[in-house]
Amino acid sequence: MSAAIDFTYRYAFPSRVAPSGRGAPQLSLATCGADHTQPYFFEGRLRQPRMVGEMLYVLSDVVRTHFFLPRPALLDPVLTSNENVLRIEGFSGCCGVYARVDLPATAFDGKRHGRGTTNVDFNVAMRNALLGLRDDEDVEFAVGADEVMLSRGNHRTVEKKVKLPLRWLKGFSEVQAYQPRLELKMEVAAAEALRFVRSLPQASRPKMPSYAAPAGRSIRLSQRPQKGAVPILGTHRVRIIEPLLVRAKSLRVWADDESGASAWEACYPQGSFFLMISPEVYRGFSGEGQALSALAEPPPEVVIATVRASLKWQSQLDPDKLAAALGLDAGEVTAALTVLGSRGLAGFDANTQQYFHRELPFDLAKVEEMQPRLGNARRLFEEGKVQSLGGGEGVSTFQVQGTGTVHRVRLSDERDACTCPWFSKHQGQRGPCKHILAASLVQQGQDRDDA
């Protein structure tokens, strides 16, 4: 059984769509912060109710689904609000699919009253009501404790006691390490994208990849790799965005060539739905280890603390501007944001290629303790089982004592490598092995001594 911690959500009321005091339907999302308060962010009018309803419904589908092994639904999604963007994000139960809805300020008539990150109650009745929203009606939107309902004495607490899986927390940490490596591969009109998605097999092919290949202004499914094609393992994971493409403007396809992870973004005139899938169906983002290097080789803690103190729920964090304002090196700021992202204190937007501030409403202070590879690497380092063998320009070699054998590690600017069976199997696609991490710790000490 996977590790988990007990967690209780307390909502002031169930999320719902109901008439407001002014007669118009109101989509009210109940929230719960880490301290069990019910933050109130804003209320306003949706300019395109049907679009928002469909995006939120598909996101709730992702959060409630296990695409690999059938298990019970887990969690409500996470919402981050600031003056510019409302973001709602979550993971599938298997942690192999990440979804995020981005709604800019232009999607609403109204002003935001607060900044912050919170959980949102997604219940069955609210899900069903989302599909009934229409563009020909005024739909008011409220995030947080609804003042109208409270004034009518309709306040009650809704509790959800869950086992909060550590793999879900690790997934949020890991996905931020993948997204900066995504490259935009193609963008096609929504009608072409819809034809493509409908052509995808319903059943998963867990071991044999299919490929999304560009074909002029369209996209087609291929069973063979080719230049510019994006691999898909588990086509059923991509099919979940099909309902969104009926009214979307276009589909953007992103990919990380090194790992095989991909992202599928349904773009609207006002907002987007970003779906990211892991390289293989059985691989959850929580077990990838992409954040390990950032955790093993962080910038000085004073730099991390300085950058964190500057976070004020910004929708974009420009490292160059932050560095100039804080008197730091831009590279140090980027490294600090990477570490803060691994701790759940920042998300990443592939479109802007910048982080945004959000703080998950869970305690991620023990993220590093959830990483057994990093813990094992530190033990190897502390027990003196790593020996430097020297090296040339941009290359360092080490030998690391393993279980009954000695492994050779090569650290280079281009690519790290190790002779252990784990690295031979994965070739770095699932993050560094413990021997590479241990050698990196030794190299850090050498660099500090040289300085």
Protein backbone atom coordinates (compact mmCIF):
# COMPACT_ATOMS: atom_id res chain seq x y z
CA MET A 1 0.00 0.00 0.00
CA SER A 2 1.40 3.44 -0.93
CA ALA A 3 2.26 5.96 1.79
CA ALA A 4 -0.37 8.54 2.65
CA ILE A 5 -1.23 11.10 5.29
CA ASP A 6 -4.66 11.86 6.73
CA PHE A 7 -6.18 15.11 5.54
CA THR A 8 -9.58 16.72 6.09
CA TYR A 9 -11.15 19.27 3.75
CA ARG A 10 -13.67 21.63 5.37
CA TYR A 11 -15.91 23.51 2.96
CA ALA A 12 -18.42 26.14 4.09
CA PHE A 13 -20.92 24.78 1.55
CA PRO A 14 -20.89 22.31 -1.35
CA SER A 15 -19.81 23.71 -4.71
CA ARG A 16 -22.96 24.25 -6.73
CA VAL A 17 -24.79 26.08 -9.51
CA ALA A 18 -27.85 27.80 -8.07
CA PRO A 19 -29.87 31.03 -8.44
CA SER A 20 -28.22 34.03 -6.80
CA GLY A 21 -29.94 36.89 -5.00
CA ARG A 22 -30.15 38.70 -8.36
CA GLY A 23 -31.87 35.81 -10.11
CA ALA A 24 -29.00 34.80 -12.41
CA PRO A 25 -27.45 31.34 -12.06
CA GLN A 26 -24.33 31.41 -9.93
CA LEU A 27 -21.42 28.96 -10.19
CA SER A 28 -20.06 28.90 -6.64
CA LEU A 29 -16.83 27.00 -5.97
CA ALA A 30 -16.35 26.21 -2.29
CA THR A 31 -12.75 26.40 -1.09
CA CYS A 32 -10.63 25.11 1.77
CA GLY A 33 -7.20 26.45 2.70
CA ALA A 34 -4.41 24.62 4.49
CA ASP A 35 -5.57 26.09 7.80
CA HIS A 36 -9.14 24.92 7.07
CA THR A 37 -10.36 28.45 6.42
CA GLN A 38 -12.62 29.16 3.47
CA PRO A 39 -10.77 31.83 1.43
CA TYR A 40 -12.92 34.23 -0.57
CA PHE A 41 -11.25 35.27 -3.80
CA PHE A 42 -13.77 37.06 -5.99
CA GLU A 43 -17.11 37.00 -7.69
CA GLY A 44 -18.08 38.21 -11.14
CA ARG A 45 -19.89 37.24 -14.32
CA LEU A 46 -18.67 34.61 -16.76
CA ARG A 47 -18.40 35.93 -20.29
CA GLN A 48 -18.50 32.42 -21.78
CA PRO A 49 -20.26 30.16 -19.26
CA ARG A 50 -20.41 27.10 -21.50
CA MET A 51 -16.68 27.15 -22.22
CA VAL A 52 -15.77 27.46 -18.54
CA GLY A 53 -18.25 24.76 -17.56
CA GLU A 54 -16.83 22.30 -20.09
CA MET A 55 -13.21 22.97 -19.10
CA LEU A 56 -13.94 22.52 -15.40
CA TYR A 57 -15.93 19.35 -16.10
CA VAL A 58 -13.08 17.76 -18.08
CA LEU A 59 -10.59 18.77 -15.39
CA SER A 60 -12.76 17.09 -12.79
CA ASP A 61 -12.81 14.00 -15.02
CA VAL A 62 -9.01 13.91 -14.95
CA VAL A 63 -8.86 14.29 -11.18
CA ARG A 64 -11.40 11.50 -10.66
CA THR A 65 -9.79 9.03 -13.09
CA HIS A 66 -7.10 6.36 -12.78
CA PHE A 67 -5.79 5.77 -16.27
CA PHE A 68 -3.60 2.82 -15.28
CA LEU A 69 -5.03 0.83 -12.38
CA PRO A 70 -8.65 1.29 -11.24
CA ARG A 71 -8.81 2.83 -7.78
CA PRO A 72 -11.17 5.20 -5.95
CA ALA A 73 -11.17 8.89 -6.84
CA LEU A 74 -8.77 10.90 -4.71
CA LEU A 75 -8.79 14.65 -4.51
CA ASP A 76 -10.33 17.99 -5.31
CA PRO A 77 -8.27 20.26 -7.58
CA VAL A 78 -6.12 23.21 -6.54
CA LEU A 79 -7.01 26.81 -7.44
CA THR A 80 -4.62 29.78 -7.61
CA SER A 81 -5.90 33.33 -8.02
CA ASN A 82 -4.27 36.68 -8.72
CA GLU A 83 -5.17 39.84 -10.64
CA ASN A 84 -4.28 38.38 -14.04
CA VAL A 85 -5.12 34.66 -14.12
CA LEU A 86 -7.30 32.13 -12.34
CA ARG A 87 -5.64 28.70 -12.52
CA ILE A 88 -7.19 25.38 -11.49
CA GLU A 89 -4.94 22.31 -11.60
CA GLY A 90 -4.94 18.69 -10.54
CA PHE A 91 -3.63 15.17 -11.11
CA SER A 92 -5.26 11.93 -12.09
CA GLY A 93 -5.39 9.32 -9.35
CA CYS A 94 -2.55 7.38 -10.99
CA CYS A 95 -0.45 10.60 -11.18
CA GLY A 96 0.26 9.98 -14.86
CA VAL A 97 -1.90 12.88 -16.12
CA TYR A 98 -1.70 16.53 -15.07
CA ALA A 99 -4.36 19.06 -16.05
CA ARG A 100 -4.64 22.81 -15.66
CA VAL A 101 -7.32 25.34 -16.63
CA ASP A 102 -6.04 28.90 -17.17
CA LEU A 103 -8.70 31.64 -17.17
CA PRO A 104 -7.40 35.19 -17.77
CA ALA A 105 -9.04 38.27 -16.30
CA THR A 106 -10.78 38.88 -19.65
CA ALA A 107 -12.89 35.74 -19.06
CA PHE A 108 -14.79 37.55 -16.27
CA ASP A 109 -16.71 40.72 -15.59
CA GLY A 110 -15.68 41.51 -12.06
CA LYS A 111 -12.68 42.13 -9.84
CA ARG A 112 -10.65 39.65 -7.85
CA HIS A 113 -10.74 40.33 -4.13
CA GLY A 114 -7.80 38.20 -3.08
CA ARG A 115 -4.69 36.28 -3.98
CA GLY A 116 -3.75 32.81 -2.93
CA THR A 117 -4.00 29.07 -3.45
CA THR A 118 -6.72 26.81 -2.10
CA ASN A 119 -8.58 23.57 -2.71
CA VAL A 120 -11.92 23.52 -4.52
CA ASP A 121 -14.83 21.16 -3.84
CA PHE A 122 -15.79 19.25 -7.01
CA ASN A 123 -18.86 17.16 -6.15
CA VAL A 124 -21.16 15.13 -8.37
CA ALA A 125 -24.07 17.60 -8.36
CA MET A 126 -21.79 20.48 -9.30
CA ARG A 127 -20.20 18.42 -12.11
CA ASN A 128 -23.60 17.68 -13.58
CA ALA A 129 -24.63 21.33 -13.37
CA LEU A 130 -21.49 22.47 -15.21
CA LEU A 131 -22.70 20.76 -18.36
CA GLY A 132 -25.94 22.78 -18.22
CA LEU A 133 -24.31 26.21 -18.39
CA ARG A 134 -25.30 28.19 -21.53
CA ASP A 135 -23.84 31.24 -23.22
CA ASP A 136 -27.25 32.87 -23.65
CA GLU A 137 -27.71 33.36 -19.91
CA ASP A 138 -25.95 35.48 -17.32
CA VAL A 139 -23.92 33.22 -15.03
CA GLU A 140 -22.32 34.75 -11.97
CA PHE A 141 -19.11 33.23 -10.69
CA ALA A 142 -17.92 33.13 -7.08
CA VAL A 143 -14.85 31.49 -5.59
CA GLY A 144 -14.94 31.07 -1.83
CA ALA A 145 -17.66 31.49 0.80
CA ASP A 146 -20.71 32.89 -0.99
CA GLU A 147 -21.93 36.00 0.81
CA VAL A 148 -25.45 35.73 -0.64
CA MET A 149 -26.01 32.22 0.61
CA LEU A 150 -24.44 32.99 3.97
CA SER A 151 -26.75 35.96 4.48
CA ARG A 152 -29.74 33.67 3.90
CA GLY A 153 -28.58 31.33 6.66
CA ASN A 154 -27.56 28.63 4.24
CA HIS A 155 -24.13 28.09 5.79
CA ARG A 156 -23.01 24.60 6.68
CA THR A 157 -19.69 22.79 6.80
CA VAL A 158 -18.96 19.98 4.37
CA GLU A 159 -16.13 17.68 5.44
CA LYS A 160 -14.18 15.27 3.26
CA LYS A 161 -11.74 13.04 5.07
CA VAL A 162 -9.21 11.51 2.71
CA LYS A 163 -5.92 9.70 2.63
CA LEU A 164 -3.65 12.20 0.93
CA PRO A 165 -1.23 10.08 -1.14
CA LEU A 166 2.39 11.15 -0.99
CA ARG A 167 2.68 10.21 -4.67
CA TRP A 168 0.19 12.99 -5.43
CA LEU A 169 2.32 15.53 -3.58
CA LYS A 170 5.44 14.28 -5.33
CA GLY A 171 3.63 14.53 -8.65
CA PHE A 172 3.13 18.27 -8.16
CA SER A 173 6.83 18.58 -7.35
CA GLU A 174 7.96 16.55 -10.35
CA VAL A 175 5.75 17.99 -13.08
CA GLN A 176 7.35 21.42 -12.63
CA ALA A 177 10.71 19.87 -13.56
CA TYR A 178 9.29 18.50 -16.84
CA GLN A 179 7.47 21.57 -18.11
CA PRO A 180 10.50 23.85 -18.74
CA ARG A 181 11.78 21.21 -21.17
CA LEU A 182 8.61 21.08 -23.27
CA GLU A 183 8.88 22.36 -26.83
CA LEU A 184 5.96 23.39 -29.02
CA LYS A 185 5.83 20.83 -31.84
CA MET A 186 2.68 21.77 -33.73
CA GLU A 187 -0.51 23.81 -33.59
CA VAL A 188 -3.58 22.90 -35.62
CA ALA A 189 -7.11 24.23 -35.90
CA ALA A 190 -9.57 22.69 -33.46
CA ALA A 191 -11.57 21.01 -36.24
CA GLU A 192 -8.47 19.15 -37.46
CA ALA A 193 -7.54 18.30 -33.89
CA LEU A 194 -11.01 16.93 -33.22
CA ARG A 195 -10.74 14.59 -36.22
CA PHE A 196 -7.37 13.41 -34.95
CA VAL A 197 -8.50 12.81 -31.36
CA ARG A 198 -11.57 10.89 -32.54
CA SER A 199 -9.25 8.63 -34.56
CA LEU A 200 -7.31 7.60 -31.46
CA PRO A 201 -7.94 4.04 -30.21
CA GLN A 202 -10.20 3.76 -27.19
CA ALA A 203 -8.11 0.97 -25.70
CA SER A 204 -4.66 1.63 -24.34
CA ARG A 205 -1.55 0.16 -25.97
CA PRO A 206 0.68 0.13 -22.88
CA LYS A 207 3.90 -1.01 -24.58
CA MET A 208 3.67 0.06 -28.23
CA PRO A 209 3.63 3.82 -28.87
CA SER A 210 1.52 5.57 -31.46
CA TYR A 211 2.65 8.89 -32.93
CA ALA A 212 0.98 12.23 -33.57
CA ALA A 213 2.54 13.34 -36.83
CA PRO A 214 2.19 16.74 -38.53
CA ALA A 215 0.52 16.56 -41.95
CA GLY A 216 0.38 20.00 -43.53
CA ARG A 217 -2.16 22.00 -41.56
CA SER A 218 -3.55 18.90 -39.88
CA ILE A 219 -2.35 16.08 -37.66
CA ARG A 220 -2.55 12.34 -38.21
CA LEU A 221 -1.99 9.14 -36.25
CA SER A 222 1.00 7.00 -37.22
CA GLN A 223 2.40 3.77 -35.88
CA ARG A 224 5.94 4.63 -36.95
CA PRO A 225 8.32 7.28 -35.61
CA GLN A 226 9.18 10.14 -37.93
CA LYS A 227 10.64 13.61 -37.80
CA GLY A 228 8.51 15.98 -35.76
CA ALA A 229 6.16 13.24 -34.50
CA VAL A 230 5.14 13.09 -30.84
CA PRO A 231 4.93 9.63 -29.22
CA ILE A 232 1.79 8.66 -27.31
CA LEU A 233 1.66 5.74 -24.94
CA GLY A 234 -1.92 5.43 -23.73
CA THR A 235 -4.01 7.16 -26.37
CA HIS A 236 -7.03 7.02 -24.05
CA ARG A 237 -5.33 9.67 -21.93
CA VAL A 238 -5.38 12.16 -24.81
CA ARG A 239 -8.97 11.33 -25.79
CA ILE A 240 -10.21 12.95 -22.60
CA ILE A 241 -9.87 16.41 -24.21
CA GLU A 242 -12.25 15.51 -27.08
CA PRO A 243 -15.27 17.47 -25.68
CA LEU A 244 -13.17 20.64 -25.50
CA LEU A 245 -12.21 20.67 -29.17
CA VAL A 246 -15.79 21.28 -30.34
CA ARG A 247 -15.57 24.95 -29.27
CA ALA A 248 -11.82 25.49 -28.92
CA LYS A 249 -9.85 27.66 -31.34
CA SER A 250 -6.81 25.40 -31.78
CA LEU A 251 -4.78 22.56 -30.28
CA ARG A 252 -1.14 22.98 -29.36
CA VAL A 253 1.01 19.87 -28.96
CA TRP A 254 4.09 20.06 -26.75
CA ALA A 255 6.74 17.38 -26.15
CA ASP A 256 9.96 16.68 -24.31
CA ASP A 257 12.04 14.65 -26.78
CA GLU A 258 14.36 13.31 -24.12
CA SER A 259 11.74 11.75 -21.86
CA GLY A 260 8.75 11.25 -24.17
CA ALA A 261 6.38 13.30 -21.99
CA SER A 262 3.87 15.37 -23.98
CA ALA A 263 1.25 18.05 -23.41
CA TRP A 264 -1.99 18.80 -25.27
CA GLU A 265 -3.36 22.31 -24.94
CA ALA A 266 -6.87 23.27 -26.07
CA CYS A 267 -6.70 27.02 -26.74
CA TYR A 268 -9.68 29.38 -26.58
CA PRO A 269 -9.94 33.10 -27.29
CA GLN A 270 -10.11 33.52 -23.52
CA GLY A 271 -8.34 30.74 -21.66
CA SER A 272 -6.83 27.32 -22.21
CA PHE A 273 -6.90 23.72 -21.00
CA PHE A 274 -3.42 22.18 -20.57
CA LEU A 275 -3.17 18.37 -20.35
CA MET A 276 0.22 16.75 -19.75
CA ILE A 277 0.76 12.98 -19.89
CA SER A 278 3.68 10.97 -18.57
CA PRO A 279 5.98 9.09 -20.98
CA GLU A 280 4.26 5.75 -20.31
CA VAL A 281 0.86 4.74 -18.93
CA TYR A 282 2.24 2.97 -15.87
CA ARG A 283 4.62 5.82 -15.01
CA GLY A 284 3.20 8.43 -12.70
CA PHE A 285 4.97 11.77 -12.54
CA SER A 286 5.46 11.10 -8.84
CA GLY A 287 8.12 8.44 -9.47
CA GLU A 288 10.12 10.14 -12.19
CA GLY A 289 12.87 11.81 -10.19
CA GLN A 290 13.25 14.82 -12.52
CA ALA A 291 13.42 17.15 -9.50
CA LEU A 292 16.22 15.22 -7.80
CA SER A 293 19.10 17.14 -9.36
CA ALA A 294 17.59 20.45 -8.25
CA LEU A 295 17.14 19.11 -4.73
CA ALA A 296 20.65 17.61 -4.62
CA GLU A 297 22.41 20.67 -6.07
CA PRO A 298 20.44 23.68 -4.83
CA PRO A 299 21.72 27.25 -4.74
CA PRO A 300 22.65 28.63 -1.30
CA GLU A 301 19.74 28.58 1.13
CA VAL A 302 19.98 32.35 1.55
CA VAL A 303 19.27 32.72 -2.19
CA ILE A 304 16.26 30.40 -1.98
CA ALA A 305 14.93 32.28 1.06
CA THR A 306 15.43 35.66 -0.65
CA VAL A 307 13.59 34.56 -3.78
CA ARG A 308 10.79 33.00 -1.77
CA ALA A 309 10.31 36.19 0.23
CA SER A 310 9.74 38.06 -3.05
CA LEU A 311 6.86 35.81 -4.13
CA LYS A 312 3.52 37.64 -4.07
CA TRP A 313 1.22 35.43 -6.18
CA GLN A 314 2.69 36.76 -9.44
CA SER A 315 1.26 35.21 -12.60
CA GLN A 316 4.72 35.43 -14.20
CA LEU A 317 8.12 35.35 -12.53
CA ASP A 318 10.86 36.78 -14.76
CA PRO A 319 14.27 35.59 -13.43
CA ASP A 320 16.14 38.54 -14.98
CA LYS A 321 13.82 41.12 -13.42
CA LEU A 322 13.80 39.31 -10.09
CA ALA A 323 17.59 39.08 -10.11
CA ALA A 324 17.93 42.81 -10.80
CA ALA A 325 15.46 43.66 -8.03
CA LEU A 326 17.08 41.32 -5.50
CA GLY A 327 20.72 41.91 -6.41
CA LEU A 328 21.26 38.27 -7.36
CA ASP A 329 22.56 36.40 -10.38
CA ALA A 330 19.80 35.43 -12.85
CA GLY A 331 21.09 31.84 -12.92
CA GLU A 332 20.81 31.63 -9.13
CA VAL A 333 17.25 32.95 -9.27
CA THR A 334 16.29 30.37 -11.91
CA ALA A 335 17.84 27.60 -9.79
CA ALA A 336 15.98 28.88 -6.72
CA LEU A 337 12.67 28.90 -8.63
CA THR A 338 13.37 25.32 -9.72
CA VAL A 339 13.84 24.28 -6.10
CA LEU A 340 10.75 26.21 -4.99
CA GLY A 341 8.82 24.53 -7.80
CA SER A 342 9.89 21.13 -6.47
CA ARG A 343 8.54 22.20 -3.06
CA GLY A 344 5.13 23.11 -4.47
CA LEU A 345 5.73 26.85 -4.13
CA ALA A 346 5.75 27.62 -7.85
CA GLY A 347 4.12 26.28 -10.99
CA PHE A 348 5.39 26.57 -14.55
CA ASP A 349 3.62 27.85 -17.66
CA ALA A 350 5.02 26.42 -20.91
CA ASN A 351 3.46 29.25 -22.95
CA THR A 352 5.29 32.04 -21.16
CA GLN A 353 8.27 29.83 -20.25
CA GLN A 354 8.10 31.29 -16.77
CA TYR A 355 7.16 30.17 -13.28
CA PHE A 356 4.15 31.53 -11.42
CA HIS A 357 3.71 31.73 -7.67
CA ARG A 358 1.36 29.35 -5.96
CA GLU A 359 1.57 27.56 -2.63
CA LEU A 360 -0.11 24.20 -2.46
CA PRO A 361 -2.54 23.98 0.47
CA PHE A 362 -0.55 21.05 1.87
CA ASP A 363 2.64 20.89 3.89
CA LEU A 364 5.45 20.02 1.46
CA ALA A 365 8.22 20.63 3.99
CA LYS A 366 9.11 16.94 3.80
CA VAL A 367 9.34 16.67 0.03
CA GLU A 368 12.98 15.64 0.20
CA GLU A 369 12.11 12.90 2.69
CA MET A 370 9.75 11.46 0.05
CA GLN A 371 12.73 10.93 -2.28
CA PRO A 372 14.47 7.65 -1.36
CA ARG A 373 17.04 8.02 -4.16
CA LEU A 374 18.21 11.33 -2.73
CA GLY A 375 18.34 9.90 0.78
CA ASN A 376 20.40 6.93 -0.40
CA ALA A 377 22.75 9.27 -2.27
CA ARG A 378 23.35 11.34 0.84
CA ARG A 379 24.17 8.20 2.82
CA LEU A 380 26.72 7.18 0.19
CA PHE A 381 28.24 10.65 0.43
CA GLU A 382 28.26 10.76 4.24
CA GLU A 383 29.78 7.27 4.50
CA GLY A 384 32.65 8.23 2.21
CA LYS A 385 31.74 5.75 -0.53
CA VAL A 386 32.38 8.21 -3.35
CA GLN A 387 35.91 8.78 -4.68
CA SER A 388 36.89 11.38 -7.24
CA LEU A 389 39.03 10.12 -10.12
CA GLY A 390 39.64 13.55 -11.63
CA GLY A 391 38.73 14.54 -15.15
CA GLY A 392 39.15 17.08 -17.91
CA GLU A 393 37.42 20.27 -18.95
CA GLY A 394 33.68 19.94 -18.34
CA VAL A 395 34.01 16.26 -17.33
CA SER A 396 34.52 14.64 -13.91
CA THR A 397 34.72 10.92 -13.10
CA PHE A 398 34.02 9.15 -9.83
CA GLN A 399 33.79 5.66 -8.46
CA VAL A 400 30.95 4.87 -6.09
CA GLN A 401 30.75 1.77 -3.91
CA GLY A 402 27.54 -0.07 -4.56
CA THR A 403 26.17 -3.32 -3.14
CA GLY A 404 28.95 -5.83 -3.78
CA THR A 405 30.44 -3.83 -6.65
CA VAL A 406 31.91 -0.47 -7.62
CA HIS A 407 30.21 1.79 -10.15
CA ARG A 408 31.88 4.40 -12.32
CA VAL A 409 30.11 7.74 -12.68
CA ARG A 410 30.81 10.37 -15.33
CA LEU A 411 29.50 13.89 -14.80
CA SER A 412 29.64 16.18 -17.80
CA ASP A 413 28.03 19.33 -19.12
CA GLU A 414 26.35 17.30 -21.87
CA ARG A 415 25.13 14.15 -20.10
CA ASP A 416 25.77 12.30 -16.86
CA ALA A 417 26.22 8.53 -16.92
CA CYS A 418 26.70 5.60 -14.55
CA THR A 419 27.57 1.92 -14.98
CA CYS A 420 24.83 0.71 -12.60
CA PRO A 421 21.99 -1.50 -13.94
CA TRP A 422 19.34 1.10 -13.04
CA PHE A 423 20.95 3.75 -15.22
CA SER A 424 21.58 1.25 -18.00
CA LYS A 425 17.87 0.44 -18.04
CA HIS A 426 16.49 3.99 -17.94
CA GLN A 427 19.36 6.02 -19.47
CA GLY A 428 18.56 9.02 -17.31
CA GLN A 429 14.97 9.34 -18.53
CA ARG A 430 13.63 8.86 -14.99
CA GLY A 431 16.08 11.22 -13.35
CA PRO A 432 19.59 10.52 -12.00
CA CYS A 433 20.44 7.34 -10.12
CA LYS A 434 21.66 7.49 -6.53
CA HIS A 435 25.28 7.07 -7.63
CA ILE A 436 25.13 10.13 -9.92
CA LEU A 437 23.46 12.11 -7.15
CA ALA A 438 26.16 11.06 -4.66
CA ALA A 439 28.92 12.03 -7.10
CA SER A 440 27.18 15.40 -7.63
CA LEU A 441 27.29 16.01 -3.87
CA VAL A 442 31.05 15.37 -3.87
CA GLN A 443 31.51 17.67 -6.84
CA GLN A 444 29.58 20.42 -5.08
CA GLY A 445 32.03 20.18 -2.16
CA GLN A 446 34.99 20.37 -4.55
CA ASP A 447 33.54 23.45 -6.26
CA ARG A 448 33.06 25.19 -2.91
CA ASP A 449 36.65 24.36 -1.89
CA ASP A 450 38.00 25.71 -5.18
CA ALA A 451 36.02 28.91 -4.72
